């Protein structure tokens, strides 16, 4: 059975910030971009070890997927995948 996804408050806020930033130029593209991020996240429970270990922390349960210029950081906790943060690759966690 695949793990369930849980969102941290920080990750939800990050996603809203990304949408708001992109929507200043194009609401359509912002919707498209967010939809693609959510699609990438949807696949994490099926392959939780697909993402690389976050280099700054070297914790095998803290991983990240790279989507465009963004890091989707998630934590593997038994049957739960917690989306911890979504941040631009140029910014520290």
C-alpha atoms as a PDB file:
ATOM      1  CA  UNK A   1       0.000   0.000   0.000  1.00  0.00           C
ATOM      2  CA  UNK A   2       1.328   3.423  -0.941  1.00  0.00           C
ATOM      3  CA  UNK A   3       2.038   5.987   1.738  1.00  0.00           C
ATOM      4  CA  UNK A   4      -0.312   8.901   2.350  1.00  0.00           C
ATOM      5  CA  UNK A   5       0.702  12.484   1.717  1.00  0.00           C
ATOM      6  CA  UNK A   6       0.551  15.076   4.490  1.00  0.00           C
ATOM      7  CA  UNK A   7       1.384  18.742   3.922  1.00  0.00           C
ATOM      8  CA  UNK A   8       3.259  20.907   6.404  1.00  0.00           C
ATOM      9  CA  UNK A   9       1.971  24.428   6.983  1.00  0.00           C
ATOM     10  CA  UNK A  10       5.222  25.720   5.499  1.00  0.00           C
ATOM     11  CA  UNK A  11       4.777  23.733   2.268  1.00  0.00           C
ATOM     12  CA  UNK A  12       1.201  24.985   1.820  1.00  0.00           C
ATOM     13  CA  UNK A  13       2.412  28.538   2.333  1.00  0.00           C
ATOM     14  CA  UNK A  14       5.277  27.969  -0.131  1.00  0.00           C
ATOM     15  CA  UNK A  15       2.855  26.728  -2.782  1.00  0.00           C
ATOM     16  CA  UNK A  16       0.613  29.766  -2.293  1.00  0.00           C
ATOM     17  CA  UNK A  17       3.614  32.099  -2.574  1.00  0.00           C
ATOM     18  CA  UNK A  18       4.724  30.430  -5.812  1.00  0.00           C
ATOM     19  CA  UNK A  19       1.220  30.759  -7.248  1.00  0.00           C
ATOM     20  CA  UNK A  20       0.952  34.417  -6.226  1.00  0.00           C
ATOM     21  CA  UNK A  21       4.342  35.259  -7.704  1.00  0.00           C
ATOM     22  CA  UNK A  22       3.708  33.589 -11.061  1.00  0.00           C
ATOM     23  CA  UNK A  23       0.115  34.842 -11.296  1.00  0.00           C
ATOM     24  CA  UNK A  24       1.368  38.448 -11.345  1.00  0.00           C
ATOM     25  CA  UNK A  25       2.325  37.737 -14.966  1.00  0.00           C
ATOM     26  CA  UNK A  26      -0.158  35.005 -15.888  1.00  0.00           C
ATOM     27  CA  UNK A  27      -2.894  33.323 -13.862  1.00  0.00           C
ATOM     28  CA  UNK A  28      -3.164  30.630 -16.532  1.00  0.00           C
ATOM     29  CA  UNK A  29       0.522  29.760 -16.322  1.00  0.00           C
ATOM     30  CA  UNK A  30       0.399  29.894 -12.510  1.00  0.00           C
ATOM     31  CA  UNK A  31      -2.444  27.354 -12.533  1.00  0.00           C
ATOM     32  CA  UNK A  32      -0.551  25.171 -15.017  1.00  0.00           C
ATOM     33  CA  UNK A  33       2.663  25.359 -12.968  1.00  0.00           C
ATOM     34  CA  UNK A  34       0.969  24.484  -9.672  1.00  0.00           C
ATOM     35  CA  UNK A  35      -0.903  21.634 -11.342  1.00  0.00           C
ATOM     36  CA  UNK A  36       2.428  20.198 -12.530  1.00  0.00           C
ATOM     37  CA  UNK A  37       3.992  20.499  -9.070  1.00  0.00           C
ATOM     38  CA  UNK A  38       0.995  18.674  -7.582  1.00  0.00           C
ATOM     39  CA  UNK A  39       1.300  15.993 -10.240  1.00  0.00           C
ATOM     40  CA  UNK A  40       4.961  15.422  -9.333  1.00  0.00           C
ATOM     41  CA  UNK A  41       4.029  15.188  -5.640  1.00  0.00           C
ATOM     42  CA  UNK A  42       1.228  12.725  -6.362  1.00  0.00           C
ATOM     43  CA  UNK A  43       3.804  10.161  -7.556  1.00  0.00           C
ATOM     44  CA  UNK A  44       6.060  10.358  -4.485  1.00  0.00           C
ATOM     45  CA  UNK A  45       4.206   7.716  -2.388  1.00  0.00           C
ATOM     46  CA  UNK A  46       4.681   5.105  -5.124  1.00  0.00           C
ATOM     47  CA  UNK A  47       8.448   5.719  -5.281  1.00  0.00           C
ATOM     48  CA  UNK A  48       9.437   7.534  -2.066  1.00  0.00           C
ATOM     49  CA  UNK A  49      13.171   6.892  -2.492  1.00  0.00           C
ATOM     50  CA  UNK A  50      13.189   8.341  -5.999  1.00  0.00           C
ATOM     51  CA  UNK A  51      14.142  11.778  -4.713  1.00  0.00           C
ATOM     52  CA  UNK A  52      17.721  12.446  -3.736  1.00  0.00           C
ATOM     53  CA  UNK A  53      18.770  12.869  -0.124  1.00  0.00           C
ATOM     54  CA  UNK A  54      18.797  16.589   0.741  1.00  0.00           C
ATOM     55  CA  UNK A  55      22.529  17.426   0.641  1.00  0.00           C
ATOM     56  CA  UNK A  56      22.417  19.931   3.512  1.00  0.00           C
ATOM     57  CA  UNK A  57      21.007  17.385   5.970  1.00  0.00           C
ATOM     58  CA  UNK A  58      22.254  13.960   4.808  1.00  0.00           C
ATOM     59  CA  UNK A  59      19.197  12.272   6.351  1.00  0.00           C
ATOM     60  CA  UNK A  60      18.013   9.268   4.313  1.00  0.00           C
ATOM     61  CA  UNK A  61      14.398  10.080   5.216  1.00  0.00           C
ATOM     62  CA  UNK A  62      14.589  13.718   4.066  1.00  0.00           C
ATOM     63  CA  UNK A  63      14.528  13.797   0.286  1.00  0.00           C
ATOM     64  CA  UNK A  64      13.843  16.186  -2.554  1.00  0.00           C
ATOM     65  CA  UNK A  65      12.578  16.181  -6.086  1.00  0.00           C
ATOM     66  CA  UNK A  66      13.648  18.922  -8.445  1.00  0.00           C
ATOM     67  CA  UNK A  67      10.856  20.432 -10.532  1.00  0.00           C
ATOM     68  CA  UNK A  68      11.991  23.179 -12.902  1.00  0.00           C
ATOM     69  CA  UNK A  69      13.871  25.559 -10.545  1.00  0.00           C
ATOM     70  CA  UNK A  70      12.073  24.374  -7.417  1.00  0.00           C
ATOM     71  CA  UNK A  71      12.950  21.864  -4.723  1.00  0.00           C
ATOM     72  CA  UNK A  72      10.087  19.736  -3.410  1.00  0.00           C
ATOM     73  CA  UNK A  73      11.381  18.608  -0.016  1.00  0.00           C
ATOM     74  CA  UNK A  74       9.654  15.716   1.703  1.00  0.00           C
ATOM     75  CA  UNK A  75      10.129  13.520   4.735  1.00  0.00           C
ATOM     76  CA  UNK A  76       9.474   9.774   4.738  1.00  0.00           C
ATOM     77  CA  UNK A  77       7.802   8.687   7.985  1.00  0.00           C
ATOM     78  CA  UNK A  78       6.635   5.061   7.825  1.00  0.00           C
ATOM     79  CA  UNK A  79       3.311   5.203   5.936  1.00  0.00           C
ATOM     80  CA  UNK A  80       3.297   9.022   5.703  1.00  0.00           C
ATOM     81  CA  UNK A  81       5.070  11.264   3.220  1.00  0.00           C
ATOM     82  CA  UNK A  82       5.216  14.780   4.614  1.00  0.00           C
ATOM     83  CA  UNK A  83       5.731  17.554   2.088  1.00  0.00           C
ATOM     84  CA  UNK A  84       8.019  19.746   4.188  1.00  0.00           C
ATOM     85  CA  UNK A  85       8.792  22.640   1.838  1.00  0.00           C
ATOM     86  CA  UNK A  86       8.713  23.795  -1.770  1.00  0.00           C
ATOM     87  CA  UNK A  87      11.352  26.407  -2.448  1.00  0.00           C
ATOM     88  CA  UNK A  88      13.259  27.959  -5.291  1.00  0.00           C
ATOM     89  CA  UNK A  89      16.560  26.216  -5.858  1.00  0.00           C
ATOM     90  CA  UNK A  90      18.510  29.443  -5.314  1.00  0.00           C
ATOM     91  CA  UNK A  91      17.180  29.819  -1.747  1.00  0.00           C
ATOM     92  CA  UNK A  92      18.332  27.846   1.285  1.00  0.00           C
ATOM     93  CA  UNK A  93      15.877  25.593   3.102  1.00  0.00           C
END
